[in-house]
Amino acid sequence: MRPPIDHGTVLITGASEGIAQELARLLSRRVRTLVLVDRDVERLKPLREELLSVYPTLGVILERCDVSEAREVDTLLASLESHFVRVDVLVNTAALGGRGLFAQVSWSGLEALLRANVWVPSLLTHRLVVPMLERGRGGVLNIGSGAAQLFLPGAAMFAATQRFLDGFTESLRLEVEGRGVVVTRVAPGPLGDEDEALSPFFQISARRCARDALAAFERGEPLVYPGWGHRWVMRLLPLLPRALKRSLGRLVLRGVKGGGGPSGPGVVPVGLASPGMLAREPTPA
């Protein structure tokens, strides 16, 4: 079973940069309409101009919406419906990451992280999967992080939210199995620029990550680890004893306390990979 991408309508959160932007570029040659959502529409305008310059007949709708607010999401979807825009595929990409030890980060920052990484994908999926099931066709692509497999002192809440996304995606996939809706989670590792000298084993570009994600989504795979090196490591991690994972976590903690990790506690946009391993950090929708 394949998601209804060709000549369909795809809604993407956080499409102003990073993986989401690259997915928008890949999808633009195939879909009928792209709905790009962000708190600041101005950030999306350069991408719309770029896409329309290549595909003049493509429908590109820019929507200002704080997707962490249920009322704004309902207003957004009502507006799309009033213009006869039906979302066939949802791409959840917006996320925040924690920097600093849990006890040193303000609760307001942790609450913002929880809303972005747990509330937002849950809310958008809940609003859109019901009509998908009624039509018997649809797709949900959740872009998360390989951090779901790790113990990450200095990013404890972020790692926990990625475990939520893993369990949520896998469980939802079973609930809708055989009903025409494809559900896939993407768990990238470190990302870098296309023109950088990237590690051939582990680090990949956002463009390569988007290509791998879209290909796996179309194959109907439940989980994809973009890049062969990252995929090899992620498949190895579940085989490691929990005690060894704790030891690796202690090494991470030593780096955080010694200043080797990200500077300063707080909550920041992440590139949908493990904090402290990123070469690029996009901004959430």
C-alpha atoms as a PDB file:
ATOM      1  CA  MET A   1       0.000   0.000   0.000  1.00  0.00           C
ATOM      2  CA  ARG A   2       1.318   3.430  -1.001  1.00  0.00           C
ATOM      3  CA  PRO A   3       0.410   6.841   0.434  1.00  0.00           C
ATOM      4  CA  PRO A   4      -1.660   9.071  -1.936  1.00  0.00           C
ATOM      5  CA  ILE A   5       1.139  11.455  -2.909  1.00  0.00           C
ATOM      6  CA  ASP A   6       0.753  11.741  -6.681  1.00  0.00           C
ATOM      7  CA  HIS A   7      -1.691  14.529  -7.569  1.00  0.00           C
ATOM      8  CA  GLY A   8      -2.634  14.768  -3.898  1.00  0.00           C
ATOM      9  CA  THR A   9      -2.453  17.447  -1.196  1.00  0.00           C
ATOM     10  CA  VAL A  10       0.335  17.302   1.385  1.00  0.00           C
ATOM     11  CA  LEU A  11       0.470  19.412   4.566  1.00  0.00           C
ATOM     12  CA  ILE A  12       3.960  19.998   6.001  1.00  0.00           C
ATOM     13  CA  THR A  13       4.842  21.679   9.289  1.00  0.00           C
ATOM     14  CA  GLY A  14       8.172  23.442   9.747  1.00  0.00           C
ATOM     15  CA  ALA A  15       8.915  23.595   6.010  1.00  0.00           C
ATOM     16  CA  SER A  16      11.090  26.715   6.063  1.00  0.00           C
ATOM     17  CA  GLU A  17      14.337  24.725   6.295  1.00  0.00           C
ATOM     18  CA  GLY A  18      15.948  21.374   6.971  1.00  0.00           C
ATOM     19  CA  ILE A  19      14.388  18.009   6.172  1.00  0.00           C
ATOM     20  CA  ALA A  20      10.898  19.486   5.778  1.00  0.00           C
ATOM     21  CA  GLN A  21      12.094  21.956   3.156  1.00  0.00           C
ATOM     22  CA  GLU A  22      13.819  19.191   1.218  1.00  0.00           C
ATOM     23  CA  LEU A  23      10.668  17.072   1.390  1.00  0.00           C
ATOM     24  CA  ALA A  24       8.676  19.987  -0.019  1.00  0.00           C
ATOM     25  CA  ARG A  25      11.104  20.211  -2.944  1.00  0.00           C
ATOM     26  CA  LEU A  26      10.872  16.485  -3.638  1.00  0.00           C
ATOM     27  CA  LEU A  27       7.089  16.428  -3.389  1.00  0.00           C
ATOM     28  CA  SER A  28       6.535  19.547  -5.499  1.00  0.00           C
ATOM     29  CA  ARG A  29       7.137  17.653  -8.760  1.00  0.00           C
ATOM     30  CA  ARG A  30       4.391  15.156  -7.957  1.00  0.00           C
ATOM     31  CA  VAL A  31       1.636  16.642  -5.798  1.00  0.00           C
ATOM     32  CA  ARG A  32      -1.218  18.897  -6.788  1.00  0.00           C
ATOM     33  CA  THR A  33      -1.026  21.115  -3.689  1.00  0.00           C
ATOM     34  CA  LEU A  34       1.439  21.764  -0.892  1.00  0.00           C
ATOM     35  CA  VAL A  35       0.136  23.320   2.328  1.00  0.00           C
ATOM     36  CA  LEU A  36       3.095  24.807   4.230  1.00  0.00           C
ATOM     37  CA  VAL A  37       2.458  25.785   7.847  1.00  0.00           C
ATOM     38  CA  ASP A  38       4.506  28.002  10.170  1.00  0.00           C
ATOM     39  CA  ARG A  39       3.990  30.595  12.886  1.00  0.00           C
ATOM     40  CA  ASP A  40       5.739  33.088  10.583  1.00  0.00           C
ATOM     41  CA  VAL A  41       4.537  32.869   6.977  1.00  0.00           C
ATOM     42  CA  GLU A  42       7.334  35.191   5.830  1.00  0.00           C
ATOM     43  CA  ARG A  43       9.814  32.395   6.449  1.00  0.00           C
ATOM     44  CA  LEU A  44       8.004  30.239   3.898  1.00  0.00           C
ATOM     45  CA  LYS A  45       7.758  32.754   1.051  1.00  0.00           C
ATOM     46  CA  PRO A  46      11.247  32.146  -0.424  1.00  0.00           C
ATOM     47  CA  LEU A  47      10.457  28.433  -0.712  1.00  0.00           C
ATOM     48  CA  ARG A  48       7.124  29.118  -2.414  1.00  0.00           C
ATOM     49  CA  GLU A  49       8.808  31.403  -4.945  1.00  0.00           C
ATOM     50  CA  GLU A  50      11.461  28.763  -5.615  1.00  0.00           C
ATOM     51  CA  LEU A  51       8.915  25.993  -6.144  1.00  0.00           C
ATOM     52  CA  LEU A  52       6.623  28.048  -8.368  1.00  0.00           C
ATOM     53  CA  SER A  53       9.543  29.122 -10.538  1.00  0.00           C
ATOM     54  CA  VAL A  54      10.080  25.447 -11.403  1.00  0.00           C
ATOM     55  CA  TYR A  55       6.454  24.215 -11.270  1.00  0.00           C
ATOM     56  CA  PRO A  56       4.165  27.162 -12.157  1.00  0.00           C
ATOM     57  CA  THR A  57       0.967  25.070 -11.941  1.00  0.00           C
ATOM     58  CA  LEU A  58       1.728  23.776  -8.450  1.00  0.00           C
ATOM     59  CA  GLY A  59      -0.636  24.918  -5.734  1.00  0.00           C
ATOM     60  CA  VAL A  60       1.362  26.295  -2.768  1.00  0.00           C
ATOM     61  CA  ILE A  61      -0.699  27.456   0.187  1.00  0.00           C
ATOM     62  CA  LEU A  62       1.058  29.244   3.036  1.00  0.00           C
ATOM     63  CA  GLU A  63      -0.767  29.180   6.365  1.00  0.00           C
ATOM     64  CA  ARG A  64       0.125  31.027   9.551  1.00  0.00           C
ATOM     65  CA  CYS A  65      -0.718  28.795  12.490  1.00  0.00           C
ATOM     66  CA  ASP A  66       0.612  27.985  15.934  1.00  0.00           C
ATOM     67  CA  VAL A  67       0.122  24.242  15.646  1.00  0.00           C
ATOM     68  CA  SER A  68       0.471  23.837  19.413  1.00  0.00           C
ATOM     69  CA  GLU A  69      -2.882  25.598  19.870  1.00  0.00           C
ATOM     70  CA  ALA A  70      -5.952  23.450  19.204  1.00  0.00           C
ATOM     71  CA  ARG A  71      -8.153  26.406  18.284  1.00  0.00           C
ATOM     72  CA  GLU A  72      -5.681  27.648  15.680  1.00  0.00           C
ATOM     73  CA  VAL A  73      -5.373  24.168  14.187  1.00  0.00           C
ATOM     74  CA  ASP A  74      -9.167  23.877  13.954  1.00  0.00           C
ATOM     75  CA  THR A  75      -9.326  27.318  12.305  1.00  0.00           C
ATOM     76  CA  LEU A  76      -6.635  26.287   9.835  1.00  0.00           C
ATOM     77  CA  LEU A  77      -8.399  23.070   8.858  1.00  0.00           C
ATOM     78  CA  ALA A  78     -11.774  24.812   8.614  1.00  0.00           C
ATOM     79  CA  SER A  79     -10.208  27.381   6.279  1.00  0.00           C
ATOM     80  CA  LEU A  80      -8.752  24.640   4.075  1.00  0.00           C
ATOM     81  CA  GLU A  81     -12.078  22.823   3.978  1.00  0.00           C
ATOM     82  CA  SER A  82     -13.941  26.004   3.024  1.00  0.00           C
ATOM     83  CA  HIS A  83     -11.634  26.285   0.008  1.00  0.00           C
ATOM     84  CA  PHE A  84     -12.176  22.595  -0.849  1.00  0.00           C
ATOM     85  CA  VAL A  85      -8.606  21.661   0.105  1.00  0.00           C
ATOM     86  CA  ARG A  86      -8.510  18.078   1.406  1.00  0.00           C
ATOM     87  CA  VAL A  87      -5.300  16.922   3.065  1.00  0.00           C
ATOM     88  CA  ASP A  88      -4.215  13.503   1.771  1.00  0.00           C
ATOM     89  CA  VAL A  89      -0.845  13.289   3.556  1.00  0.00           C
ATOM     90  CA  LEU A  90       0.382  14.886   6.794  1.00  0.00           C
ATOM     91  CA  VAL A  91       4.105  15.421   7.370  1.00  0.00           C
ATOM     92  CA  ASN A  92       4.939  16.218  11.010  1.00  0.00           C
ATOM     93  CA  THR A  93       8.425  17.707  11.244  1.00  0.00           C
ATOM     94  CA  ALA A  94       8.428  20.566  13.774  1.00  0.00           C
ATOM     95  CA  ALA A  95      10.348  19.807  17.002  1.00  0.00           C
ATOM     96  CA  LEU A  96      12.258  21.320  19.898  1.00  0.00           C
ATOM     97  CA  GLY A  97      15.265  19.876  21.685  1.00  0.00           C
ATOM     98  CA  GLY A  98      16.466  20.268  25.260  1.00  0.00           C
ATOM     99  CA  ARG A  99      19.902  21.573  26.153  1.00  0.00           C
ATOM    100  CA  GLY A 100      21.135  21.269  29.709  1.00  0.00           C
ATOM    101  CA  LEU A 101      20.550  19.089  32.718  1.00  0.00           C
ATOM    102  CA  PHE A 102      16.881  18.452  33.507  1.00  0.00           C
ATOM    103  CA  ALA A 103      16.986  20.134  36.929  1.00  0.00           C
ATOM    104  CA  GLN A 104      18.623  23.254  35.466  1.00  0.00           C
ATOM    105  CA  VAL A 105      16.136  23.893  32.645  1.00  0.00           C
ATOM    106  CA  SER A 106      13.063  26.006  33.405  1.00  0.00           C
ATOM    107  CA  TRP A 107       9.737  24.204  33.482  1.00  0.00           C
ATOM    108  CA  SER A 108       8.300  26.661  30.951  1.00  0.00           C
ATOM    109  CA  GLY A 109      10.995  25.545  28.516  1.00  0.00           C
ATOM    110  CA  LEU A 110      10.320  21.878  29.161  1.00  0.00           C
ATOM    111  CA  GLU A 111       6.595  22.460  28.747  1.00  0.00           C
ATOM    112  CA  ALA A 112       7.234  24.110  25.373  1.00  0.00           C
ATOM    113  CA  LEU A 113       9.306  21.085  24.347  1.00  0.00           C
ATOM    114  CA  LEU A 114       6.527  18.705  25.366  1.00  0.00           C
ATOM    115  CA  ARG A 115       3.929  20.688  23.429  1.00  0.00           C
ATOM    116  CA  ALA A 116       6.073  20.802  20.282  1.00  0.00           C
ATOM    117  CA  ASN A 117       7.206  17.167  20.311  1.00  0.00           C
ATOM    118  CA  VAL A 118       4.180  15.393  21.801  1.00  0.00           C
ATOM    119  CA  TRP A 119       1.106  17.619  21.643  1.00  0.00           C
ATOM    120  CA  VAL A 120       1.599  18.925  18.094  1.00  0.00           C
ATOM    121  CA  PRO A 121       2.019  15.631  16.172  1.00  0.00           C
ATOM    122  CA  SER A 122      -0.759  14.082  18.259  1.00  0.00           C
ATOM    123  CA  LEU A 123      -3.169  16.953  17.643  1.00  0.00           C
ATOM    124  CA  LEU A 124      -2.554  17.276  13.910  1.00  0.00           C
ATOM    125  CA  THR A 125      -2.717  13.520  13.392  1.00  0.00           C
ATOM    126  CA  HIS A 126      -5.929  13.252  15.409  1.00  0.00           C
ATOM    127  CA  ARG A 127      -7.588  15.995  13.384  1.00  0.00           C
ATOM    128  CA  LEU A 128      -6.539  14.613   9.992  1.00  0.00           C
ATOM    129  CA  VAL A 129      -6.492  10.826  10.344  1.00  0.00           C
ATOM    130  CA  VAL A 130     -10.256  10.603  10.910  1.00  0.00           C
ATOM    131  CA  PRO A 131     -11.200  11.970   7.458  1.00  0.00           C
ATOM    132  CA  MET A 132      -8.394   9.876   5.934  1.00  0.00           C
ATOM    133  CA  LEU A 133      -9.958   6.735   7.399  1.00  0.00           C
ATOM    134  CA  GLU A 134     -13.390   7.801   6.181  1.00  0.00           C
ATOM    135  CA  ARG A 135     -12.017   8.130   2.633  1.00  0.00           C
ATOM    136  CA  GLY A 136      -9.986   4.922   2.945  1.00  0.00           C
ATOM    137  CA  ARG A 137      -6.758   6.619   1.825  1.00  0.00           C
ATOM    138  CA  GLY A 138      -4.124   8.804   3.449  1.00  0.00           C
ATOM    139  CA  GLY A 139      -0.689   8.995   4.968  1.00  0.00           C
ATOM    140  CA  VAL A 140       1.126  10.266   8.074  1.00  0.00           C
ATOM    141  CA  LEU A 141       4.897  10.772   7.995  1.00  0.00           C
ATOM    142  CA  ASN A 142       6.417  11.565  11.405  1.00  0.00           C
ATOM    143  CA  ILE A 143       9.974  12.902  11.335  1.00  0.00           C
ATOM    144  CA  GLY A 144      11.627  12.199  14.671  1.00  0.00           C
ATOM    145  CA  SER A 145      15.118  11.252  15.802  1.00  0.00           C
ATOM    146  CA  GLY A 146      17.373   8.311  16.516  1.00  0.00           C
ATOM    147  CA  ALA A 147      17.465   9.664  20.084  1.00  0.00           C
ATOM    148  CA  ALA A 148      14.545   7.328  20.836  1.00  0.00           C
ATOM    149  CA  GLN A 149      17.150   4.555  21.115  1.00  0.00           C
ATOM    150  CA  LEU A 150      19.539   6.433  23.410  1.00  0.00           C
ATOM    151  CA  PHE A 151      20.021   7.507  27.016  1.00  0.00           C
ATOM    152  CA  LEU A 152      20.888  11.198  26.672  1.00  0.00           C
ATOM    153  CA  PRO A 153      21.847  13.109  29.821  1.00  0.00           C
ATOM    154  CA  GLY A 154      21.637  16.789  28.935  1.00  0.00           C
ATOM    155  CA  ALA A 155      18.656  16.073  26.679  1.00  0.00           C
ATOM    156  CA  ALA A 156      16.523  13.832  28.898  1.00  0.00           C
ATOM    157  CA  MET A 157      13.151  15.294  27.964  1.00  0.00           C
ATOM    158  CA  PHE A 158      13.984  15.343  24.260  1.00  0.00           C
ATOM    159  CA  ALA A 159      14.935  11.650  24.326  1.00  0.00           C
ATOM    160  CA  ALA A 160      11.696  10.883  26.192  1.00  0.00           C
ATOM    161  CA  THR A 161       9.565  12.689  23.599  1.00  0.00           C
ATOM    162  CA  GLN A 162      11.236  10.714  20.830  1.00  0.00           C
ATOM    163  CA  ARG A 163      10.303   7.495  22.598  1.00  0.00           C
ATOM    164  CA  PHE A 164       6.749   8.782  22.715  1.00  0.00           C
ATOM    165  CA  LEU A 165       6.806   9.434  18.971  1.00  0.00           C
ATOM    166  CA  ASP A 166       8.114   5.911  18.383  1.00  0.00           C
ATOM    167  CA  GLY A 167       5.385   4.264  20.455  1.00  0.00           C
ATOM    168  CA  PHE A 168       2.684   6.565  19.107  1.00  0.00           C
ATOM    169  CA  THR A 169       3.581   5.952  15.465  1.00  0.00           C
ATOM    170  CA  GLU A 170       3.919   2.182  15.794  1.00  0.00           C
ATOM    171  CA  SER A 171       0.657   1.847  17.747  1.00  0.00           C
ATOM    172  CA  LEU A 172      -1.289   4.118  15.398  1.00  0.00           C
ATOM    173  CA  ARG A 173       0.043   2.150  12.445  1.00  0.00           C
ATOM    174  CA  LEU A 174      -1.455  -1.036  13.906  1.00  0.00           C
ATOM    175  CA  GLU A 175      -4.785   0.693  14.570  1.00  0.00           C
ATOM    176  CA  VAL A 176      -5.169   1.800  10.936  1.00  0.00           C
ATOM    177  CA  GLU A 177      -3.627  -1.300   9.341  1.00  0.00           C
ATOM    178  CA  GLY A 178      -5.611  -2.444   6.322  1.00  0.00           C
ATOM    179  CA  ARG A 179      -7.697   0.746   6.218  1.00  0.00           C
ATOM    180  CA  GLY A 180      -5.801   2.619   3.489  1.00  0.00           C
ATOM    181  CA  VAL A 181      -3.658   4.909   5.674  1.00  0.00           C
ATOM    182  CA  VAL A 182       0.149   4.593   5.649  1.00  0.00           C
ATOM    183  CA  VAL A 183       1.974   5.593   8.863  1.00  0.00           C
ATOM    184  CA  THR A 184       5.780   5.867   8.941  1.00  0.00           C
ATOM    185  CA  ARG A 185       8.340   7.232  11.403  1.00  0.00           C
ATOM    186  CA  VAL A 186      11.693   8.590  10.253  1.00  0.00           C
ATOM    187  CA  ALA A 187      14.515   8.598  12.815  1.00  0.00           C
ATOM    188  CA  PRO A 188      17.511  10.525  11.403  1.00  0.00           C
ATOM    189  CA  GLY A 189      20.948  10.866  12.902  1.00  0.00           C
ATOM    190  CA  PRO A 190      23.406  13.748  12.440  1.00  0.00           C
ATOM    191  CA  LEU A 191      22.689  16.089   9.530  1.00  0.00           C
ATOM    192  CA  GLY A 192      25.038  18.336   7.571  1.00  0.00           C
ATOM    193  CA  ASP A 193      25.070  20.586   4.516  1.00  0.00           C
ATOM    194  CA  GLU A 194      24.997  19.075   1.032  1.00  0.00           C
ATOM    195  CA  ASP A 195      28.321  20.683   0.109  1.00  0.00           C
ATOM    196  CA  GLU A 196      30.136  19.789   3.341  1.00  0.00           C
ATOM    197  CA  ALA A 197      32.732  17.037   3.565  1.00  0.00           C
ATOM    198  CA  LEU A 198      30.361  14.660   5.313  1.00  0.00           C
ATOM    199  CA  SER A 199      31.359  11.459   7.046  1.00  0.00           C
ATOM    200  CA  PRO A 200      30.575   8.683   4.540  1.00  0.00           C
ATOM    201  CA  PHE A 201      29.717   6.371   7.439  1.00  0.00           C
ATOM    202  CA  PHE A 202      27.376   8.349   9.662  1.00  0.00           C
ATOM    203  CA  GLN A 203      26.466  11.925   8.770  1.00  0.00           C
ATOM    204  CA  ILE A 204      24.219  12.694   5.789  1.00  0.00           C
ATOM    205  CA  SER A 205      22.683  15.807   4.255  1.00  0.00           C
ATOM    206  CA  ALA A 206      19.097  16.908   4.823  1.00  0.00           C
ATOM    207  CA  ARG A 207      18.460  16.277   1.113  1.00  0.00           C
ATOM    208  CA  ARG A 208      19.656  12.671   1.329  1.00  0.00           C
ATOM    209  CA  CYS A 209      17.656  12.199   4.517  1.00  0.00           C
ATOM    210  CA  ALA A 210      14.490  13.480   2.807  1.00  0.00           C
ATOM    211  CA  ARG A 211      15.032  11.169  -0.180  1.00  0.00           C
ATOM    212  CA  ASP A 212      15.447   8.127   2.064  1.00  0.00           C
ATOM    213  CA  ALA A 213      12.428   9.126   4.149  1.00  0.00           C
ATOM    214  CA  LEU A 214      10.138   9.582   1.159  1.00  0.00           C
ATOM    215  CA  ALA A 215      11.258   6.336  -0.487  1.00  0.00           C
ATOM    216  CA  ALA A 216      10.564   4.342   2.689  1.00  0.00           C
ATOM    217  CA  PHE A 217       7.205   6.070   3.181  1.00  0.00           C
ATOM    218  CA  GLU A 218       6.162   5.092  -0.331  1.00  0.00           C
ATOM    219  CA  ARG A 219       7.165   1.502   0.355  1.00  0.00           C
ATOM    220  CA  GLY A 220       4.905   1.584   3.396  1.00  0.00           C
ATOM    221  CA  GLU A 221       7.731   0.890   5.846  1.00  0.00           C
ATOM    222  CA  PRO A 222       6.979   1.487   9.535  1.00  0.00           C
ATOM    223  CA  LEU A 223      10.424   2.879  10.415  1.00  0.00           C
ATOM    224  CA  VAL A 224      13.372   4.255   8.463  1.00  0.00           C
ATOM    225  CA  TYR A 225      16.885   5.211   9.594  1.00  0.00           C
ATOM    226  CA  PRO A 226      18.272   7.391   6.764  1.00  0.00           C
ATOM    227  CA  GLY A 227      21.853   6.668   5.746  1.00  0.00           C
ATOM    228  CA  TRP A 228      23.491   3.239   5.810  1.00  0.00           C
ATOM    229  CA  GLY A 229      25.920   4.058   8.628  1.00  0.00           C
ATOM    230  CA  HIS A 230      23.242   5.459  10.912  1.00  0.00           C
ATOM    231  CA  ARG A 231      20.937   2.563  10.033  1.00  0.00           C
ATOM    232  CA  TRP A 232      23.628   0.045  10.999  1.00  0.00           C
ATOM    233  CA  VAL A 233      24.228   1.718  14.365  1.00  0.00           C
ATOM    234  CA  MET A 234      20.509   2.046  15.167  1.00  0.00           C
ATOM    235  CA  ARG A 235      19.924  -1.640  14.441  1.00  0.00           C
ATOM    236  CA  LEU A 236      22.843  -2.543  16.691  1.00  0.00           C
ATOM    237  CA  LEU A 237      21.732  -0.457  19.682  1.00  0.00           C
ATOM    238  CA  PRO A 238      18.738  -2.639  20.716  1.00  0.00           C
ATOM    239  CA  LEU A 239      21.123  -5.593  20.985  1.00  0.00           C
ATOM    240  CA  LEU A 240      23.350  -3.845  23.540  1.00  0.00           C
ATOM    241  CA  PRO A 241      22.861  -4.631  27.244  1.00  0.00           C
ATOM    242  CA  ARG A 242      21.085  -1.867  29.132  1.00  0.00           C
ATOM    243  CA  ALA A 243      24.084  -1.530  31.452  1.00  0.00           C
ATOM    244  CA  LEU A 244      26.297  -0.740  28.456  1.00  0.00           C
ATOM    245  CA  LYS A 245      23.826   1.896  27.283  1.00  0.00           C
ATOM    246  CA  ARG A 246      24.020   3.477  30.741  1.00  0.00           C
ATOM    247  CA  SER A 247      27.804   3.524  30.494  1.00  0.00           C
ATOM    248  CA  LEU A 248      27.586   5.283  27.142  1.00  0.00           C
ATOM    249  CA  GLY A 249      25.130   7.729  28.729  1.00  0.00           C
ATOM    250  CA  ARG A 250      27.652   8.474  31.493  1.00  0.00           C
ATOM    251  CA  LEU A 251      30.210   9.378  28.822  1.00  0.00           C
ATOM    252  CA  VAL A 252      27.695  11.791  27.317  1.00  0.00           C
ATOM    253  CA  LEU A 253      27.021  13.267  30.772  1.00  0.00           C
ATOM    254  CA  ARG A 254      30.727  13.778  31.343  1.00  0.00           C
ATOM    255  CA  GLY A 255      30.904  15.759  28.120  1.00  0.00           C
ATOM    256  CA  VAL A 256      27.872  17.850  29.068  1.00  0.00           C
ATOM    257  CA  LYS A 257      29.267  18.683  32.506  1.00  0.00           C
ATOM    258  CA  GLY A 258      32.696  19.349  31.037  1.00  0.00           C
ATOM    259  CA  GLY A 259      31.342  21.777  28.473  1.00  0.00           C
ATOM    260  CA  GLY A 260      31.606  19.370  25.544  1.00  0.00           C
ATOM    261  CA  GLY A 261      27.868  19.486  24.916  1.00  0.00           C
ATOM    262  CA  PRO A 262      25.702  22.377  23.719  1.00  0.00           C
ATOM    263  CA  SER A 263      26.341  25.549  25.688  1.00  0.00           C
ATOM    264  CA  GLY A 264      23.755  26.827  28.130  1.00  0.00           C
ATOM    265  CA  PRO A 265      20.591  25.163  29.402  1.00  0.00           C
ATOM    266  CA  GLY A 266      17.328  25.777  27.615  1.00  0.00           C
ATOM    267  CA  VAL A 267      15.045  24.639  24.842  1.00  0.00           C
ATOM    268  CA  VAL A 268      16.084  25.140  21.232  1.00  0.00           C
ATOM    269  CA  PRO A 269      14.979  24.142  17.730  1.00  0.00           C
ATOM    270  CA  VAL A 270      16.569  20.896  16.589  1.00  0.00           C
ATOM    271  CA  GLY A 271      17.419  19.281  13.292  1.00  0.00           C
ATOM    272  CA  LEU A 272      15.438  16.175  14.198  1.00  0.00           C
ATOM    273  CA  ALA A 273      18.483  14.249  15.296  1.00  0.00           C
ATOM    274  CA  SER A 274      20.374  13.784  18.522  1.00  0.00           C
ATOM    275  CA  PRO A 275      21.195  17.072  20.320  1.00  0.00           C
ATOM    276  CA  GLY A 276      24.917  17.707  20.400  1.00  0.00           C
ATOM    277  CA  MET A 277      25.395  15.801  17.141  1.00  0.00           C
ATOM    278  CA  LEU A 278      23.800  18.300  14.784  1.00  0.00           C
ATOM    279  CA  ALA A 279      25.381  20.378  12.073  1.00  0.00           C
ATOM    280  CA  ARG A 280      22.111  22.184  11.332  1.00  0.00           C
ATOM    281  CA  GLU A 281      19.180  23.111  13.548  1.00  0.00           C
ATOM    282  CA  PRO A 282      15.938  24.160  11.866  1.00  0.00           C
ATOM    283  CA  THR A 283      13.224  26.177  13.572  1.00  0.00           C
ATOM    284  CA  PRO A 284       9.922  24.616  14.626  1.00  0.00           C
ATOM    285  CA  ALA A 285       6.601  25.600  13.100  1.00  0.00           C
END
